[in-house]
Amino acid sequence: MRCLFKWGIRLGLGSLLLVIGLTAAFLKTPGWLDVSEPVQKVSAVLALGGGAEQRPFAAAALHKKGLTGILLVPQTKDKTAQAEGLGENEAIRYRRIWRSLGVPDANIEALPGAADSTRDEARLLKTWLEGHPGATVGIITHTYHTRRTRLLFTRILGPEASRVHFFGIESDGWREEGWWKVPDFAPMMFFECLKLATQSLTG
């Protein structure tokens, strides 16, 4: 009986320490997920899909500062609503934003094909890079998304990955201190970790 009691205490303490460790690790999640690089001059910039409220604006800012000459955009595969005329194709939205910010059409270039995921965008960029020897590309995405993005692009691009750089932007409402208290941020980080784990295991 006394032996079982001791084992119960040990198990309880072990579980408590595990919870504390996992909690501490989770609180550091944003910093660990962020592997973005300092912004530098590149031949072209690709603002990944899924962040039309911020990513195309960041790309336009780099163009305005003279840090890139070309803004790349993949043709977005139409969803059902878009096909029925109920929504705006994201590629069209990016182009509209860039034009409104003064980016000439001559500086906007479509990637060779349509994309419906980050994986598609990586494959299209590989084709583009193969046709532009020596060109460098800056990938714009949110900071918490850069680790998974780098892993995916590195696998797909192979040797060409050395020509790609990852520029991270902060999500709207982000704050480093107490970030987990911001609505939606905690589940967003949790699911990003799950996606990263899945991608790491499955490729």
N, C-alpha and C. Protein backbone atom coordinates (compact mmCIF):
# COMPACT_ATOMS: atom_id res chain seq x y z
N MET A 1 0.83 -1.20 0.00
CA MET A 1 0.00 0.00 0.00
C MET A 1 0.88 1.26 0.00
N ARG A 2 1.90 1.27 0.87
CA ARG A 2 2.81 2.39 0.95
C ARG A 2 3.57 2.56 -0.36
N CYS A 3 3.90 1.44 -1.01
CA CYS A 3 4.61 1.48 -2.29
C CYS A 3 3.75 2.12 -3.36
N LEU A 4 2.47 1.75 -3.40
CA LEU A 4 1.54 2.34 -4.36
C LEU A 4 1.39 3.83 -4.14
N PHE A 5 1.37 4.22 -2.84
CA PHE A 5 1.23 5.63 -2.49
C PHE A 5 2.43 6.43 -3.02
N LYS A 6 3.63 5.86 -2.86
CA LYS A 6 4.84 6.53 -3.34
C LYS A 6 4.83 6.66 -4.86
N TRP A 7 4.38 5.58 -5.51
CA TRP A 7 4.32 5.63 -6.97
C TRP A 7 3.29 6.66 -7.44
N GLY A 8 2.19 6.77 -6.68
CA GLY A 8 1.17 7.77 -7.01
C GLY A 8 1.72 9.18 -6.91
N ILE A 9 2.51 9.43 -5.85
CA ILE A 9 3.12 10.75 -5.68
C ILE A 9 4.09 11.05 -6.81
N ARG A 10 4.90 10.05 -7.15
CA ARG A 10 5.88 10.23 -8.23
C ARG A 10 5.18 10.51 -9.56
N LEU A 11 4.11 9.75 -9.81
CA LEU A 11 3.37 9.94 -11.05
C LEU A 11 2.75 11.33 -11.11
N GLY A 12 2.20 11.76 -9.96
CA GLY A 12 1.59 13.08 -9.91
C GLY A 12 2.61 14.19 -10.13
N LEU A 13 3.77 14.06 -9.48
CA LEU A 13 4.82 15.06 -9.65
C LEU A 13 5.35 15.06 -11.08
N GLY A 14 5.49 13.86 -11.64
CA GLY A 14 5.97 13.76 -13.02
C GLY A 14 5.00 14.41 -13.99
N SER A 15 3.71 14.18 -13.78
CA SER A 15 2.69 14.78 -14.64
C SER A 15 2.69 16.29 -14.52
N LEU A 16 2.86 16.77 -13.28
CA LEU A 16 2.89 18.21 -13.05
C LEU A 16 4.08 18.85 -13.75
N LEU A 17 5.25 18.21 -13.63
CA LEU A 17 6.44 18.73 -14.29
C LEU A 17 6.30 18.71 -15.81
N LEU A 18 5.63 17.67 -16.32
CA LEU A 18 5.41 17.58 -17.76
C LEU A 18 4.52 18.72 -18.24
N VAL A 19 3.45 18.98 -17.49
CA VAL A 19 2.54 20.07 -17.85
C VAL A 19 3.27 21.41 -17.81
N ILE A 20 4.07 21.61 -16.76
CA ILE A 20 4.82 22.86 -16.64
C ILE A 20 5.80 23.01 -17.80
N GLY A 21 6.48 21.91 -18.15
CA GLY A 21 7.43 21.95 -19.25
C GLY A 21 6.77 22.24 -20.58
N LEU A 22 5.63 21.58 -20.83
CA LEU A 22 4.91 21.80 -22.08
C LEU A 22 4.36 23.21 -22.17
N THR A 23 3.88 23.72 -21.04
CA THR A 23 3.36 25.09 -21.01
C THR A 23 4.47 26.09 -21.30
N ALA A 24 5.63 25.89 -20.66
CA ALA A 24 6.76 26.78 -20.89
C ALA A 24 7.20 26.74 -22.35
N ALA A 25 7.21 25.54 -22.92
CA ALA A 25 7.61 25.39 -24.33
C ALA A 25 6.60 26.08 -25.25
N PHE A 26 5.31 25.94 -24.93
CA PHE A 26 4.27 26.54 -25.77
C PHE A 26 4.37 28.06 -25.74
N LEU A 27 4.69 28.62 -24.58
CA LEU A 27 4.80 30.07 -24.47
C LEU A 27 5.94 30.61 -25.33
N LYS A 28 6.90 29.75 -25.66
CA LYS A 28 8.03 30.15 -26.51
C LYS A 28 7.79 29.83 -27.98
N THR A 29 6.63 29.28 -28.27
CA THR A 29 6.32 28.83 -29.63
C THR A 29 6.53 29.88 -30.71
N PRO A 30 6.00 31.10 -30.58
CA PRO A 30 6.17 32.09 -31.66
C PRO A 30 7.62 32.33 -32.02
N GLY A 31 8.48 32.44 -31.01
CA GLY A 31 9.90 32.68 -31.27
C GLY A 31 10.55 31.51 -31.98
N TRP A 32 10.14 30.30 -31.64
CA TRP A 32 10.71 29.10 -32.25
C TRP A 32 10.24 28.94 -33.69
N LEU A 33 8.99 29.30 -33.95
CA LEU A 33 8.45 29.16 -35.30
C LEU A 33 9.01 30.21 -36.26
N ASP A 34 9.50 31.31 -35.72
CA ASP A 34 9.99 32.41 -36.55
C ASP A 34 11.45 32.21 -36.94
N VAL A 35 11.68 31.89 -38.19
CA VAL A 35 13.05 31.75 -38.72
C VAL A 35 13.26 32.75 -39.86
N SER A 36 12.52 33.84 -39.81
CA SER A 36 12.63 34.84 -40.87
C SER A 36 14.01 35.48 -40.88
N GLU A 37 14.38 36.00 -42.03
CA GLU A 37 15.70 36.60 -42.25
C GLU A 37 15.59 38.12 -42.36
N PRO A 38 16.67 38.83 -42.11
CA PRO A 38 16.66 40.29 -42.32
C PRO A 38 16.34 40.58 -43.79
N VAL A 39 15.57 41.62 -44.02
CA VAL A 39 15.21 41.98 -45.39
C VAL A 39 16.46 42.41 -46.16
N GLN A 40 16.57 41.93 -47.38
CA GLN A 40 17.70 42.29 -48.24
C GLN A 40 17.19 42.44 -49.67
N LYS A 41 18.04 43.00 -50.52
CA LYS A 41 17.65 43.20 -51.90
C LYS A 41 17.59 41.87 -52.64
N VAL A 42 16.50 41.64 -53.37
CA VAL A 42 16.31 40.39 -54.12
C VAL A 42 15.77 40.73 -55.50
N SER A 43 15.89 39.78 -56.40
CA SER A 43 15.42 40.00 -57.77
C SER A 43 13.90 40.09 -57.83
N ALA A 44 13.23 39.26 -57.03
CA ALA A 44 11.77 39.21 -57.05
C ALA A 44 11.25 38.87 -55.66
N VAL A 45 9.99 39.18 -55.45
CA VAL A 45 9.33 38.88 -54.18
C VAL A 45 8.06 38.10 -54.46
N LEU A 46 7.84 37.05 -53.66
CA LEU A 46 6.62 36.26 -53.75
C LEU A 46 5.88 36.38 -52.43
N ALA A 47 4.74 37.04 -52.44
CA ALA A 47 3.90 37.13 -51.25
C ALA A 47 2.96 35.93 -51.28
N LEU A 48 3.12 35.04 -50.32
CA LEU A 48 2.31 33.82 -50.31
C LEU A 48 0.83 34.14 -50.12
N GLY A 49 -0.01 33.25 -50.63
CA GLY A 49 -1.44 33.42 -50.51
C GLY A 49 -1.91 33.20 -49.07
N GLY A 50 -3.13 33.60 -48.80
CA GLY A 50 -3.70 33.38 -47.48
C GLY A 50 -3.50 34.52 -46.51
N GLY A 51 -2.96 35.62 -46.97
CA GLY A 51 -2.73 36.76 -46.07
C GLY A 51 -2.90 38.07 -46.80
N ALA A 52 -4.00 38.19 -47.54
CA ALA A 52 -4.21 39.36 -48.40
C ALA A 52 -4.32 40.67 -47.62
N GLU A 53 -4.58 40.60 -46.31
CA GLU A 53 -4.70 41.82 -45.52
C GLU A 53 -3.35 42.45 -45.23
N GLN A 54 -2.26 41.68 -45.36
CA GLN A 54 -0.93 42.21 -45.02
C GLN A 54 0.15 41.88 -46.04
N ARG A 55 0.19 40.65 -46.53
CA ARG A 55 1.32 40.21 -47.34
C ARG A 55 1.53 41.01 -48.62
N PRO A 56 0.50 41.30 -49.41
CA PRO A 56 0.75 42.07 -50.63
C PRO A 56 1.23 43.49 -50.34
N PHE A 57 0.80 44.06 -49.21
CA PHE A 57 1.23 45.40 -48.83
C PHE A 57 2.72 45.41 -48.46
N ALA A 58 3.15 44.34 -47.78
CA ALA A 58 4.57 44.22 -47.44
C ALA A 58 5.41 44.09 -48.70
N ALA A 59 4.92 43.34 -49.68
CA ALA A 59 5.63 43.18 -50.95
C ALA A 59 5.75 44.51 -51.68
N ALA A 60 4.65 45.27 -51.69
CA ALA A 60 4.65 46.57 -52.36
C ALA A 60 5.62 47.53 -51.68
N ALA A 61 5.73 47.43 -50.35
CA ALA A 61 6.65 48.30 -49.62
C ALA A 61 8.10 48.02 -50.01
N LEU A 62 8.44 46.75 -50.21
CA LEU A 62 9.80 46.39 -50.64
C LEU A 62 10.08 46.94 -52.04
N HIS A 63 9.08 46.87 -52.90
CA HIS A 63 9.23 47.40 -54.25
C HIS A 63 9.45 48.91 -54.21
N LYS A 64 8.68 49.58 -53.39
CA LYS A 64 8.78 51.04 -53.28
C LYS A 64 10.16 51.46 -52.78
N LYS A 65 10.74 50.64 -51.88
CA LYS A 65 12.05 50.96 -51.31
C LYS A 65 13.20 50.57 -52.25
N GLY A 66 12.86 49.98 -53.39
CA GLY A 66 13.88 49.59 -54.35
C GLY A 66 14.60 48.31 -53.99
N LEU A 67 13.98 47.49 -53.12
CA LEU A 67 14.61 46.25 -52.70
C LEU A 67 14.26 45.08 -53.60
N THR A 68 13.36 45.30 -54.53
CA THR A 68 13.02 44.26 -55.52
C THR A 68 12.43 44.93 -56.75
N GLY A 69 12.59 44.25 -57.88
CA GLY A 69 12.06 44.80 -59.11
C GLY A 69 10.78 44.13 -59.57
N ILE A 70 10.57 42.89 -59.14
CA ILE A 70 9.44 42.10 -59.62
C ILE A 70 8.62 41.57 -58.45
N LEU A 71 7.31 41.66 -58.56
CA LEU A 71 6.39 41.05 -57.60
C LEU A 71 5.74 39.86 -58.29
N LEU A 72 5.96 38.68 -57.74
CA LEU A 72 5.44 37.45 -58.33
C LEU A 72 4.08 37.10 -57.74
N VAL A 73 3.21 36.58 -58.57
CA VAL A 73 1.90 36.15 -58.10
C VAL A 73 1.47 34.90 -58.86
N PRO A 74 1.07 33.83 -58.15
CA PRO A 74 0.55 32.65 -58.85
C PRO A 74 -0.92 32.86 -59.17
N GLN A 75 -1.38 32.23 -60.21
CA GLN A 75 -2.80 32.27 -60.50
C GLN A 75 -3.51 31.37 -59.48
N THR A 76 -4.47 31.90 -58.76
CA THR A 76 -5.15 31.14 -57.72
C THR A 76 -6.21 30.25 -58.33
N LYS A 77 -6.21 28.97 -57.94
CA LYS A 77 -7.26 28.07 -58.40
C LYS A 77 -8.59 28.52 -57.82
N ASP A 78 -9.59 28.63 -58.67
CA ASP A 78 -10.89 29.11 -58.21
C ASP A 78 -11.57 28.13 -57.28
N LYS A 79 -12.10 28.66 -56.18
CA LYS A 79 -12.97 27.89 -55.31
C LYS A 79 -14.37 27.93 -55.93
N THR A 80 -15.30 27.17 -55.38
CA THR A 80 -16.66 27.14 -55.93
C THR A 80 -17.28 28.51 -55.95
N ALA A 81 -17.16 29.25 -54.83
CA ALA A 81 -17.77 30.57 -54.76
C ALA A 81 -17.17 31.51 -55.78
N GLN A 82 -15.86 31.42 -55.97
CA GLN A 82 -15.20 32.29 -56.93
C GLN A 82 -15.65 31.94 -58.34
N ALA A 83 -15.76 30.65 -58.61
CA ALA A 83 -16.17 30.20 -59.94
C ALA A 83 -17.58 30.69 -60.27
N GLU A 84 -18.41 30.88 -59.25
CA GLU A 84 -19.78 31.35 -59.45
C GLU A 84 -19.87 32.87 -59.39
N GLY A 85 -18.73 33.51 -59.31
CA GLY A 85 -18.71 34.96 -59.30
C GLY A 85 -19.04 35.57 -57.95
N LEU A 86 -18.94 34.80 -56.88
CA LEU A 86 -19.32 35.29 -55.56
C LEU A 86 -18.12 35.78 -54.76
N GLY A 87 -16.93 35.57 -55.23
CA GLY A 87 -15.75 35.98 -54.49
C GLY A 87 -14.67 36.46 -55.44
N GLU A 88 -13.67 37.11 -54.88
CA GLU A 88 -12.58 37.64 -55.70
C GLU A 88 -11.37 36.71 -55.64
N ASN A 89 -10.91 36.30 -56.80
CA ASN A 89 -9.71 35.48 -56.89
C ASN A 89 -8.57 36.22 -56.20
N GLU A 90 -7.82 35.50 -55.34
CA GLU A 90 -6.78 36.16 -54.56
C GLU A 90 -5.68 36.76 -55.42
N ALA A 91 -5.35 36.10 -56.51
CA ALA A 91 -4.33 36.64 -57.41
C ALA A 91 -4.78 37.98 -57.99
N ILE A 92 -6.06 38.06 -58.33
CA ILE A 92 -6.61 39.32 -58.85
C ILE A 92 -6.58 40.39 -57.77
N ARG A 93 -6.87 39.98 -56.54
CA ARG A 93 -6.86 40.92 -55.42
C ARG A 93 -5.47 41.47 -55.18
N TYR A 94 -4.45 40.61 -55.24
CA TYR A 94 -3.07 41.05 -55.06
C TYR A 94 -2.71 42.08 -56.13
N ARG A 95 -3.04 41.77 -57.38
CA ARG A 95 -2.73 42.68 -58.47
C ARG A 95 -3.43 44.02 -58.27
N ARG A 96 -4.68 43.99 -57.85
CA ARG A 96 -5.44 45.22 -57.65
C ARG A 96 -4.80 46.08 -56.56
N ILE A 97 -4.37 45.43 -55.47
CA ILE A 97 -3.71 46.14 -54.37
C ILE A 97 -2.42 46.78 -54.86
N TRP A 98 -1.62 46.02 -55.60
CA TRP A 98 -0.34 46.54 -56.07
C TRP A 98 -0.52 47.72 -57.00
N ARG A 99 -1.48 47.61 -57.89
CA ARG A 99 -1.73 48.72 -58.81
C ARG A 99 -2.16 49.97 -58.05
N SER A 100 -3.01 49.77 -57.03
CA SER A 100 -3.49 50.92 -56.25
C SER A 100 -2.35 51.58 -55.47
N LEU A 101 -1.27 50.82 -55.21
CA LEU A 101 -0.12 51.34 -54.48
C LEU A 101 0.98 51.83 -55.42
N GLY A 102 0.67 51.86 -56.71
CA GLY A 102 1.60 52.44 -57.67
C GLY A 102 2.60 51.50 -58.30
N VAL A 103 2.40 50.18 -58.14
CA VAL A 103 3.31 49.22 -58.77
C VAL A 103 2.89 49.06 -60.24
N PRO A 104 3.79 49.34 -61.19
CA PRO A 104 3.44 49.21 -62.61
C PRO A 104 3.17 47.75 -62.98
N ASP A 105 2.29 47.55 -63.94
CA ASP A 105 1.99 46.19 -64.41
C ASP A 105 3.24 45.48 -64.90
N ALA A 106 4.18 46.24 -65.44
CA ALA A 106 5.41 45.66 -65.97
C ALA A 106 6.25 45.01 -64.87
N ASN A 107 6.00 45.40 -63.62
CA ASN A 107 6.75 44.85 -62.50
C ASN A 107 6.00 43.76 -61.74
N ILE A 108 4.87 43.36 -62.30
CA ILE A 108 4.08 42.27 -61.72
C ILE A 108 4.13 41.08 -62.68
N GLU A 109 4.60 39.97 -62.19
CA GLU A 109 4.79 38.80 -63.07
C GLU A 109 4.08 37.59 -62.49
N ALA A 110 3.33 36.89 -63.34
CA ALA A 110 2.61 35.69 -62.91
C ALA A 110 3.54 34.49 -62.92
N LEU A 111 3.44 33.67 -61.90
CA LEU A 111 4.17 32.41 -61.90
C LEU A 111 3.54 31.48 -62.93
N PRO A 112 4.29 30.53 -63.43
CA PRO A 112 3.80 29.65 -64.51
C PRO A 112 2.85 28.56 -64.04
N GLY A 113 1.63 28.94 -63.70
CA GLY A 113 0.65 27.93 -63.29
C GLY A 113 -0.25 28.42 -62.17
N ALA A 114 -1.19 27.56 -61.78
CA ALA A 114 -2.16 27.91 -60.74
C ALA A 114 -1.82 27.22 -59.43
N ALA A 115 -2.17 27.88 -58.32
CA ALA A 115 -1.84 27.35 -56.99
C ALA A 115 -3.07 27.32 -56.10
N ASP A 116 -3.12 26.29 -55.25
CA ASP A 116 -4.21 26.19 -54.28
C ASP A 116 -3.65 25.90 -52.89
N SER A 117 -2.32 25.96 -52.76
CA SER A 117 -1.67 25.67 -51.48
C SER A 117 -0.25 26.22 -51.51
N THR A 118 0.40 26.26 -50.35
CA THR A 118 1.78 26.69 -50.28
C THR A 118 2.67 25.72 -51.05
N ARG A 119 2.33 24.44 -51.03
CA ARG A 119 3.09 23.44 -51.78
C ARG A 119 3.04 23.74 -53.28
N ASP A 120 1.87 24.12 -53.78
CA ASP A 120 1.75 24.49 -55.19
C ASP A 120 2.63 25.70 -55.50
N GLU A 121 2.61 26.68 -54.60
CA GLU A 121 3.41 27.88 -54.82
C GLU A 121 4.90 27.55 -54.88
N ALA A 122 5.34 26.63 -54.04
CA ALA A 122 6.75 26.22 -54.05
C ALA A 122 7.11 25.55 -55.38
N ARG A 123 6.24 24.69 -55.88
CA ARG A 123 6.50 24.01 -57.15
C ARG A 123 6.55 25.00 -58.31
N LEU A 124 5.65 25.97 -58.29
CA LEU A 124 5.64 26.98 -59.35
C LEU A 124 6.89 27.85 -59.28
N LEU A 125 7.31 28.18 -58.07
CA LEU A 125 8.51 28.99 -57.92
C LEU A 125 9.74 28.24 -58.42
N LYS A 126 9.77 26.94 -58.20
CA LYS A 126 10.90 26.14 -58.70
C LYS A 126 11.00 26.25 -60.22
N THR A 127 9.86 26.17 -60.88
CA THR A 127 9.85 26.31 -62.34
C THR A 127 10.34 27.69 -62.75
N TRP A 128 9.88 28.71 -62.03
CA TRP A 128 10.29 30.08 -62.33
C TRP A 128 11.79 30.25 -62.14
N LEU A 129 12.32 29.73 -61.06
CA LEU A 129 13.76 29.85 -60.78
C LEU A 129 14.60 29.16 -61.84
N GLU A 130 14.12 28.02 -62.30
CA GLU A 130 14.84 27.29 -63.34
C GLU A 130 14.93 28.10 -64.63
N GLY A 131 13.93 28.96 -64.84
CA GLY A 131 13.94 29.81 -66.03
C GLY A 131 14.61 31.15 -65.83
N HIS A 132 15.08 31.40 -64.59
CA HIS A 132 15.74 32.67 -64.28
C HIS A 132 17.03 32.39 -63.51
N PRO A 133 18.03 31.87 -64.18
CA PRO A 133 19.30 31.55 -63.52
C PRO A 133 19.90 32.78 -62.82
N GLY A 134 20.33 32.60 -61.61
CA GLY A 134 20.97 33.68 -60.87
C GLY A 134 20.02 34.59 -60.12
N ALA A 135 18.72 34.47 -60.38
CA ALA A 135 17.74 35.33 -59.71
C ALA A 135 17.56 34.89 -58.26
N THR A 136 17.28 35.86 -57.38
CA THR A 136 16.99 35.56 -55.99
C THR A 136 15.56 35.99 -55.68
N VAL A 137 14.95 35.31 -54.72
CA VAL A 137 13.54 35.59 -54.40
C VAL A 137 13.34 35.71 -52.90
N GLY A 138 12.57 36.71 -52.51
CA GLY A 138 12.17 36.85 -51.11
C GLY A 138 10.75 36.35 -50.94
N ILE A 139 10.55 35.44 -50.01
CA ILE A 139 9.22 34.91 -49.73
C ILE A 139 8.62 35.69 -48.56
N ILE A 140 7.46 36.28 -48.76
CA ILE A 140 6.81 37.02 -47.70
C ILE A 140 5.67 36.21 -47.11
N THR A 141 5.73 35.98 -45.82
CA THR A 141 4.66 35.30 -45.10
C THR A 141 4.69 35.78 -43.66
N HIS A 142 3.79 35.30 -42.83
CA HIS A 142 3.79 35.72 -41.44
C HIS A 142 4.90 35.00 -40.66
N THR A 143 5.42 35.65 -39.64
CA THR A 143 6.57 35.12 -38.92
C THR A 143 6.34 33.70 -38.40
N TYR A 144 5.16 33.43 -37.84
CA TYR A 144 4.90 32.11 -37.27
C TYR A 144 4.84 31.03 -38.35
N HIS A 145 4.74 31.43 -39.59
CA HIS A 145 4.61 30.51 -40.71
C HIS A 145 5.95 30.24 -41.39
N THR A 146 7.01 30.96 -40.99
CA THR A 146 8.27 30.87 -41.73
C THR A 146 8.99 29.55 -41.57
N ARG A 147 8.93 28.93 -40.39
CA ARG A 147 9.64 27.65 -40.22
C ARG A 147 9.04 26.57 -41.11
N ARG A 148 7.73 26.46 -41.12
CA ARG A 148 7.08 25.44 -41.96
C ARG A 148 7.28 25.76 -43.44
N THR A 149 7.22 27.06 -43.78
CA THR A 149 7.44 27.47 -45.16
C THR A 149 8.85 27.13 -45.62
N ARG A 150 9.83 27.43 -44.78
CA ARG A 150 11.22 27.13 -45.14
C ARG A 150 11.43 25.64 -45.33
N LEU A 151 10.85 24.82 -44.45
CA LEU A 151 10.98 23.37 -44.58
C LEU A 151 10.40 22.90 -45.90
N LEU A 152 9.22 23.36 -46.24
CA LEU A 152 8.55 22.94 -47.47
C LEU A 152 9.30 23.40 -48.71
N PHE A 153 9.68 24.66 -48.76
CA PHE A 153 10.37 25.19 -49.94
C PHE A 153 11.74 24.55 -50.11
N THR A 154 12.43 24.30 -49.00
CA THR A 154 13.75 23.66 -49.09
C THR A 154 13.65 22.27 -49.69
N ARG A 155 12.64 21.53 -49.30
CA ARG A 155 12.44 20.18 -49.84
C ARG A 155 12.11 20.20 -51.32
N ILE A 156 11.25 21.12 -51.71
CA ILE A 156 10.78 21.14 -53.09
C ILE A 156 11.80 21.80 -54.03
N LEU A 157 12.44 22.86 -53.58
CA LEU A 157 13.38 23.58 -54.44
C LEU A 157 14.73 22.88 -54.58
N GLY A 158 15.10 22.08 -53.59
CA GLY A 158 16.38 21.40 -53.66
C GLY A 158 17.53 22.40 -53.69
N PRO A 159 18.48 22.24 -54.61
CA PRO A 159 19.64 23.15 -54.68
C PRO A 159 19.25 24.61 -54.90
N GLU A 160 18.09 24.83 -55.52
CA GLU A 160 17.66 26.20 -55.80
C GLU A 160 17.25 26.94 -54.53
N ALA A 161 17.08 26.23 -53.42
CA ALA A 161 16.63 26.85 -52.17
C ALA A 161 17.62 27.90 -51.66
N SER A 162 18.88 27.78 -52.06
CA SER A 162 19.89 28.74 -51.62
C SER A 162 19.64 30.13 -52.20
N ARG A 163 18.79 30.21 -53.19
CA ARG A 163 18.48 31.49 -53.84
C ARG A 163 17.23 32.15 -53.27
N VAL A 164 16.67 31.52 -52.24
CA VAL A 164 15.41 32.00 -51.66
C VAL A 164 15.63 32.47 -50.22
N HIS A 165 14.98 33.57 -49.86
CA HIS A 165 15.07 34.12 -48.51
C HIS A 165 13.65 34.30 -47.96
N PHE A 166 13.52 34.22 -46.65
CA PHE A 166 12.20 34.25 -46.03
C PHE A 166 12.05 35.49 -45.16
N PHE A 167 11.13 36.36 -45.57
CA PHE A 167 10.88 37.61 -44.87
C PHE A 167 9.57 37.51 -44.10
N GLY A 168 9.64 37.64 -42.80
CA GLY A 168 8.44 37.48 -41.97
C GLY A 168 7.80 38.80 -41.59
N ILE A 169 6.48 38.82 -41.52
CA ILE A 169 5.75 39.99 -41.04
C ILE A 169 4.89 39.57 -39.86
N GLU A 170 4.69 40.46 -38.92
CA GLU A 170 3.90 40.16 -37.74
C GLU A 170 2.40 40.21 -38.06
N SER A 171 1.65 39.35 -37.41
CA SER A 171 0.20 39.34 -37.58
C SER A 171 -0.41 40.58 -36.93
N ASP A 172 -1.53 41.05 -37.46
CA ASP A 172 -2.24 42.17 -36.86
C ASP A 172 -2.62 41.83 -35.43
N GLY A 173 -2.38 42.75 -34.53
CA GLY A 173 -2.74 42.53 -33.13
C GLY A 173 -1.70 41.80 -32.32
N TRP A 174 -0.58 41.45 -32.97
CA TRP A 174 0.45 40.68 -32.27
C TRP A 174 1.14 41.52 -31.20
N ARG A 175 1.41 40.89 -30.07
CA ARG A 175 2.26 41.50 -29.05
C ARG A 175 3.08 40.40 -28.41
N GLU A 176 4.35 40.66 -28.22
CA GLU A 176 5.26 39.63 -27.70
C GLU A 176 4.93 39.24 -26.27
N GLU A 177 4.59 40.23 -25.45
CA GLU A 177 4.28 39.95 -24.05
C GLU A 177 2.80 39.59 -23.91
N GLY A 178 2.54 38.40 -23.41
CA GLY A 178 1.16 37.96 -23.23
C GLY A 178 0.43 37.65 -24.52
N TRP A 179 1.19 37.18 -25.54
CA TRP A 179 0.58 36.93 -26.85
C TRP A 179 -0.55 35.92 -26.78
N TRP A 180 -0.46 34.97 -25.84
CA TRP A 180 -1.47 33.93 -25.74
C TRP A 180 -2.82 34.47 -25.27
N LYS A 181 -2.84 35.70 -24.78
CA LYS A 181 -4.10 36.31 -24.33
C LYS A 181 -4.86 36.96 -25.48
N VAL A 182 -4.17 37.16 -26.60
CA VAL A 182 -4.81 37.78 -27.76
C VAL A 182 -5.76 36.76 -28.40
N PRO A 183 -7.01 37.14 -28.65
CA PRO A 183 -7.98 36.21 -29.24
C PRO A 183 -7.44 35.52 -30.49
N ASP A 184 -7.62 34.22 -30.55
CA ASP A 184 -7.28 33.38 -31.71
C ASP A 184 -5.79 33.05 -31.83
N PHE A 185 -4.90 33.74 -31.12
CA PHE A 185 -3.48 33.48 -31.30
C PHE A 185 -3.05 32.13 -30.76
N ALA A 186 -3.54 31.74 -29.58
CA ALA A 186 -3.14 30.46 -28.99
C ALA A 186 -3.52 29.28 -29.89
N PRO A 187 -4.79 29.18 -30.33
CA PRO A 187 -5.13 28.06 -31.23
C PRO A 187 -4.39 28.13 -32.56
N MET A 188 -4.11 29.35 -33.03
CA MET A 188 -3.38 29.50 -34.29
C MET A 188 -1.98 28.91 -34.17
N MET A 189 -1.31 29.18 -33.05
CA MET A 189 0.03 28.64 -32.83
C MET A 189 -0.02 27.13 -32.64
N PHE A 190 -1.04 26.66 -31.93
CA PHE A 190 -1.19 25.22 -31.69
C PHE A 190 -1.34 24.47 -33.01
N PHE A 191 -2.22 24.95 -33.87
CA PHE A 191 -2.46 24.27 -35.14
C PHE A 191 -1.27 24.41 -36.09
N GLU A 192 -0.54 25.51 -35.99
CA GLU A 192 0.67 25.66 -36.81
C GLU A 192 1.70 24.60 -36.41
N CYS A 193 1.81 24.34 -35.11
CA CYS A 193 2.74 23.31 -34.63
C CYS A 193 2.31 21.93 -35.13
N LEU A 194 1.00 21.66 -35.13
CA LEU A 194 0.51 20.39 -35.64
C LEU A 194 0.82 20.25 -37.12
N LYS A 195 0.61 21.31 -37.88
CA LYS A 195 0.90 21.27 -39.31
C LYS A 195 2.38 21.04 -39.57
N LEU A 196 3.21 21.71 -38.77
CA LEU A 196 4.65 21.55 -38.92
C LEU A 196 5.07 20.12 -38.61
N ALA A 197 4.51 19.54 -37.53
CA ALA A 197 4.84 18.17 -37.17
C ALA A 197 4.42 17.21 -38.26
N THR A 198 3.22 17.41 -38.80
CA THR A 198 2.72 16.55 -39.87
C THR A 198 3.59 16.65 -41.11
N GLN A 199 3.96 17.88 -41.45
CA GLN A 199 4.81 18.08 -42.64
C GLN A 199 6.19 17.48 -42.44
N SER A 200 6.71 17.58 -41.24
CA SER A 200 8.04 17.03 -40.95
C SER A 200 8.05 15.51 -41.10
N LEU A 201 6.93 14.88 -40.73
CA LEU A 201 6.85 13.42 -40.77
C LEU A 201 6.49 12.89 -42.15
N THR A 202 5.64 13.63 -42.86
CA THR A 202 5.15 13.12 -44.14
C THR A 202 5.89 13.69 -45.35
N GLY A 203 6.54 14.84 -45.16
CA GLY A 203 7.20 15.47 -46.29
C GLY A 203 6.23 16.19 -47.19
